[in-house]
Structures are given as C-alpha cells and as structure tokens.
C-alpha cells in the first residue's frame, strides 16, 4: 500500500514522523509549496502532491515547479495544463536519456 503524508503547516514534519509513515506522497496545502520544498522532497525519494488548487495560474506555477500531483475541483483546466507539460516533457525526453528509477521500497525513506 502506498501512503501520503498530508501537511498544512509551514514547518515540515519531524524526521521521526517521516520514518514512521514512509510516504510515497507528501501531500501539501499548495500555498506552502516552494521550488526548494519540491527539490528537497524529491531528493528524499518522495513525490509532491498539492491540494486543493482551483486557480489556473497556481496550477501552472506548481506544475512548473515540478509538483507530481494536483488535487483540484477543475480537472479540465488541469488536464489542459498537464497536456502541454506532457508534450514538452515527451519532446525533452526524446533528446535525453533518463536514469532508471529506483524501486519503490528504496524511494521512500528519509
């Protein structure tokens, strides 16, 4: 089973909570997400999910930062943005080889 650690505070969760939960997703209230936070969470092998993002500009900002998932009440707008991201990512991946992903059990520990 994959777990998500949902968080709505500016201070990140304590290390012992990360170790106890070992989440696949760090599910964060979207105004708290920064490029630095996304990079740090990714460095530790977790994915970042933003909730609940209903503003088109905010969706674009978060996708541009590398957020992995977005919770929204406006999925058509998100699909429009994500479609453009997929086309850009696909073209970029054709030009550069990507390293193999780590197995899920190795991605989660902090």
C-alpha atoms as a PDB file:
ATOM      1  CA  UNK A   1       0.000   0.000   0.000  1.00  0.00           C
ATOM      2  CA  UNK A   2       1.232   3.490  -0.875  1.00  0.00           C
ATOM      3  CA  UNK A   3       0.794   6.237   1.723  1.00  0.00           C
ATOM      4  CA  UNK A   4       0.562  10.016   1.586  1.00  0.00           C
ATOM      5  CA  UNK A   5       1.555  12.342   4.404  1.00  0.00           C
ATOM      6  CA  UNK A   6      -0.851  15.298   4.310  1.00  0.00           C
ATOM      7  CA  UNK A   7       0.501  18.543   5.752  1.00  0.00           C
ATOM      8  CA  UNK A   8      -0.837  22.082   6.208  1.00  0.00           C
ATOM      9  CA  UNK A   9       1.837  23.734   8.360  1.00  0.00           C
ATOM     10  CA  UNK A  10       4.827  25.850   7.354  1.00  0.00           C
ATOM     11  CA  UNK A  11       7.265  23.753   9.366  1.00  0.00           C
ATOM     12  CA  UNK A  12       7.918  20.347   7.792  1.00  0.00           C
ATOM     13  CA  UNK A  13       7.024  17.148   9.632  1.00  0.00           C
ATOM     14  CA  UNK A  14       9.566  15.820  12.113  1.00  0.00           C
ATOM     15  CA  UNK A  15      12.025  13.198  10.859  1.00  0.00           C
ATOM     16  CA  UNK A  16      10.544  10.526  13.135  1.00  0.00           C
ATOM     17  CA  UNK A  17       7.105  11.045  11.529  1.00  0.00           C
ATOM     18  CA  UNK A  18       8.651  10.595   8.049  1.00  0.00           C
ATOM     19  CA  UNK A  19      10.294   7.385   9.223  1.00  0.00           C
ATOM     20  CA  UNK A  20       7.078   6.075  10.796  1.00  0.00           C
ATOM     21  CA  UNK A  21       4.848   6.827   7.793  1.00  0.00           C
ATOM     22  CA  UNK A  22       7.397   6.349   4.961  1.00  0.00           C
ATOM     23  CA  UNK A  23       5.064   8.111   2.492  1.00  0.00           C
ATOM     24  CA  UNK A  24       5.192   7.941  -1.254  1.00  0.00           C
ATOM     25  CA  UNK A  25       3.498  11.363  -1.474  1.00  0.00           C
ATOM     26  CA  UNK A  26       3.988  14.468   0.604  1.00  0.00           C
ATOM     27  CA  UNK A  27       0.514  15.995   0.187  1.00  0.00           C
ATOM     28  CA  UNK A  28       0.867  19.717   0.925  1.00  0.00           C
ATOM     29  CA  UNK A  29      -1.518  22.653   1.111  1.00  0.00           C
ATOM     30  CA  UNK A  30      -0.500  24.398  -2.111  1.00  0.00           C
ATOM     31  CA  UNK A  31       0.398  27.923  -0.805  1.00  0.00           C
ATOM     32  CA  UNK A  32       3.164  26.294   1.256  1.00  0.00           C
ATOM     33  CA  UNK A  33       4.895  24.764  -1.769  1.00  0.00           C
ATOM     34  CA  UNK A  34       8.149  26.286  -2.971  1.00  0.00           C
ATOM     35  CA  UNK A  35      10.651  25.159  -5.568  1.00  0.00           C
ATOM     36  CA  UNK A  36      13.070  24.389  -2.705  1.00  0.00           C
ATOM     37  CA  UNK A  37      10.489  22.223  -0.935  1.00  0.00           C
ATOM     38  CA  UNK A  38       9.794  20.231  -4.114  1.00  0.00           C
ATOM     39  CA  UNK A  39      13.528  19.681  -4.665  1.00  0.00           C
ATOM     40  CA  UNK A  40      14.077  18.572  -1.062  1.00  0.00           C
ATOM     41  CA  UNK A  41      11.158  16.141  -1.078  1.00  0.00           C
ATOM     42  CA  UNK A  42      12.294  14.701  -4.419  1.00  0.00           C
ATOM     43  CA  UNK A  43      15.851  14.316  -3.067  1.00  0.00           C
ATOM     44  CA  UNK A  44      14.417  12.066  -0.394  1.00  0.00           C
ATOM     45  CA  UNK A  45      12.580   9.918  -2.907  1.00  0.00           C
ATOM     46  CA  UNK A  46       9.042  11.141  -2.271  1.00  0.00           C
ATOM     47  CA  UNK A  47       6.608  12.776  -4.657  1.00  0.00           C
ATOM     48  CA  UNK A  48       4.821  16.081  -4.009  1.00  0.00           C
ATOM     49  CA  UNK A  49       1.057  16.458  -4.227  1.00  0.00           C
ATOM     50  CA  UNK A  50      -0.689  19.848  -3.910  1.00  0.00           C
ATOM     51  CA  UNK A  51      -4.237  20.339  -2.596  1.00  0.00           C
ATOM     52  CA  UNK A  52      -6.825  21.886  -3.400  1.00  0.00           C
ATOM     53  CA  UNK A  53      -5.702  24.054  -6.331  1.00  0.00           C
ATOM     54  CA  UNK A  54      -8.580  25.674  -8.217  1.00  0.00           C
ATOM     55  CA  UNK A  55      -6.757  28.675  -9.691  1.00  0.00           C
ATOM     56  CA  UNK A  56      -5.348  28.161 -13.209  1.00  0.00           C
ATOM     57  CA  UNK A  57      -2.317  30.393 -12.556  1.00  0.00           C
ATOM     58  CA  UNK A  58      -1.474  28.490  -9.377  1.00  0.00           C
ATOM     59  CA  UNK A  59      -1.805  25.164 -11.222  1.00  0.00           C
ATOM     60  CA  UNK A  60       0.681  26.397 -13.829  1.00  0.00           C
ATOM     61  CA  UNK A  61       3.074  27.679 -11.141  1.00  0.00           C
ATOM     62  CA  UNK A  62       3.031  24.354  -9.290  1.00  0.00           C
ATOM     63  CA  UNK A  63       3.470  22.248 -12.416  1.00  0.00           C
ATOM     64  CA  UNK A  64       6.379  24.498 -13.365  1.00  0.00           C
ATOM     65  CA  UNK A  65       7.994  23.752 -10.012  1.00  0.00           C
ATOM     66  CA  UNK A  66       7.814  20.020 -10.616  1.00  0.00           C
ATOM     67  CA  UNK A  67       4.875  19.080  -8.398  1.00  0.00           C
ATOM     68  CA  UNK A  68       3.932  15.464  -9.169  1.00  0.00           C
ATOM     69  CA  UNK A  69       0.169  15.577  -8.499  1.00  0.00           C
ATOM     70  CA  UNK A  70      -2.517  18.240  -8.077  1.00  0.00           C
ATOM     71  CA  UNK A  71      -5.896  17.900  -6.382  1.00  0.00           C
ATOM     72  CA  UNK A  72      -8.478  20.254  -7.922  1.00  0.00           C
ATOM     73  CA  UNK A  73     -12.183  20.841  -8.426  1.00  0.00           C
ATOM     74  CA  UNK A  74     -11.364  21.916 -12.017  1.00  0.00           C
ATOM     75  CA  UNK A  75      -9.874  18.842 -13.712  1.00  0.00           C
ATOM     76  CA  UNK A  76     -10.450  20.139 -17.274  1.00  0.00           C
ATOM     77  CA  UNK A  77      -8.179  23.143 -16.618  1.00  0.00           C
ATOM     78  CA  UNK A  78      -5.555  20.901 -15.030  1.00  0.00           C
ATOM     79  CA  UNK A  79      -5.743  18.454 -17.949  1.00  0.00           C
ATOM     80  CA  UNK A  80      -5.176  21.344 -20.370  1.00  0.00           C
ATOM     81  CA  UNK A  81      -2.044  22.380 -18.470  1.00  0.00           C
ATOM     82  CA  UNK A  82      -0.818  18.834 -17.927  1.00  0.00           C
ATOM     83  CA  UNK A  83      -1.286  18.050 -21.615  1.00  0.00           C
ATOM     84  CA  UNK A  84       1.062  20.873 -22.510  1.00  0.00           C
ATOM     85  CA  UNK A  85       3.514  19.699 -19.851  1.00  0.00           C
ATOM     86  CA  UNK A  86       3.400  16.130 -21.196  1.00  0.00           C
ATOM     87  CA  UNK A  87       4.092  17.295 -24.759  1.00  0.00           C
ATOM     88  CA  UNK A  88       7.051  19.400 -23.579  1.00  0.00           C
ATOM     89  CA  UNK A  89       8.370  16.605 -21.320  1.00  0.00           C
ATOM     90  CA  UNK A  90       7.990  13.968 -24.016  1.00  0.00           C
ATOM     91  CA  UNK A  91       9.948  16.055 -26.523  1.00  0.00           C
ATOM     92  CA  UNK A  92      12.657  16.699 -23.943  1.00  0.00           C
ATOM     93  CA  UNK A  93      12.896  13.012 -23.004  1.00  0.00           C
ATOM     94  CA  UNK A  94      13.382  12.072 -26.647  1.00  0.00           C
ATOM     95  CA  UNK A  95      16.567  14.175 -26.612  1.00  0.00           C
ATOM     96  CA  UNK A  96      17.980  12.998 -23.282  1.00  0.00           C
ATOM     97  CA  UNK A  97      18.184   9.558 -21.700  1.00  0.00           C
ATOM     98  CA  UNK A  98      16.826   9.282 -18.185  1.00  0.00           C
ATOM     99  CA  UNK A  99      18.369   7.107 -15.464  1.00  0.00           C
ATOM    100  CA  UNK A 100      16.389   4.104 -14.279  1.00  0.00           C
ATOM    101  CA  UNK A 101      14.065   4.811 -11.366  1.00  0.00           C
ATOM    102  CA  UNK A 102      14.765   3.243  -8.011  1.00  0.00           C
ATOM    103  CA  UNK A 103      12.392   0.518  -6.845  1.00  0.00           C
ATOM    104  CA  UNK A 104       9.522   1.934  -4.742  1.00  0.00           C
ATOM    105  CA  UNK A 105      10.804   0.449  -1.482  1.00  0.00           C
ATOM    106  CA  UNK A 106      14.072   2.369  -1.920  1.00  0.00           C
ATOM    107  CA  UNK A 107      12.432   5.701  -2.812  1.00  0.00           C
ATOM    108  CA  UNK A 108      10.531   6.328   0.383  1.00  0.00           C
ATOM    109  CA  UNK A 109      12.885   6.519   3.324  1.00  0.00           C
ATOM    110  CA  UNK A 110      14.011   9.839   4.731  1.00  0.00           C
END
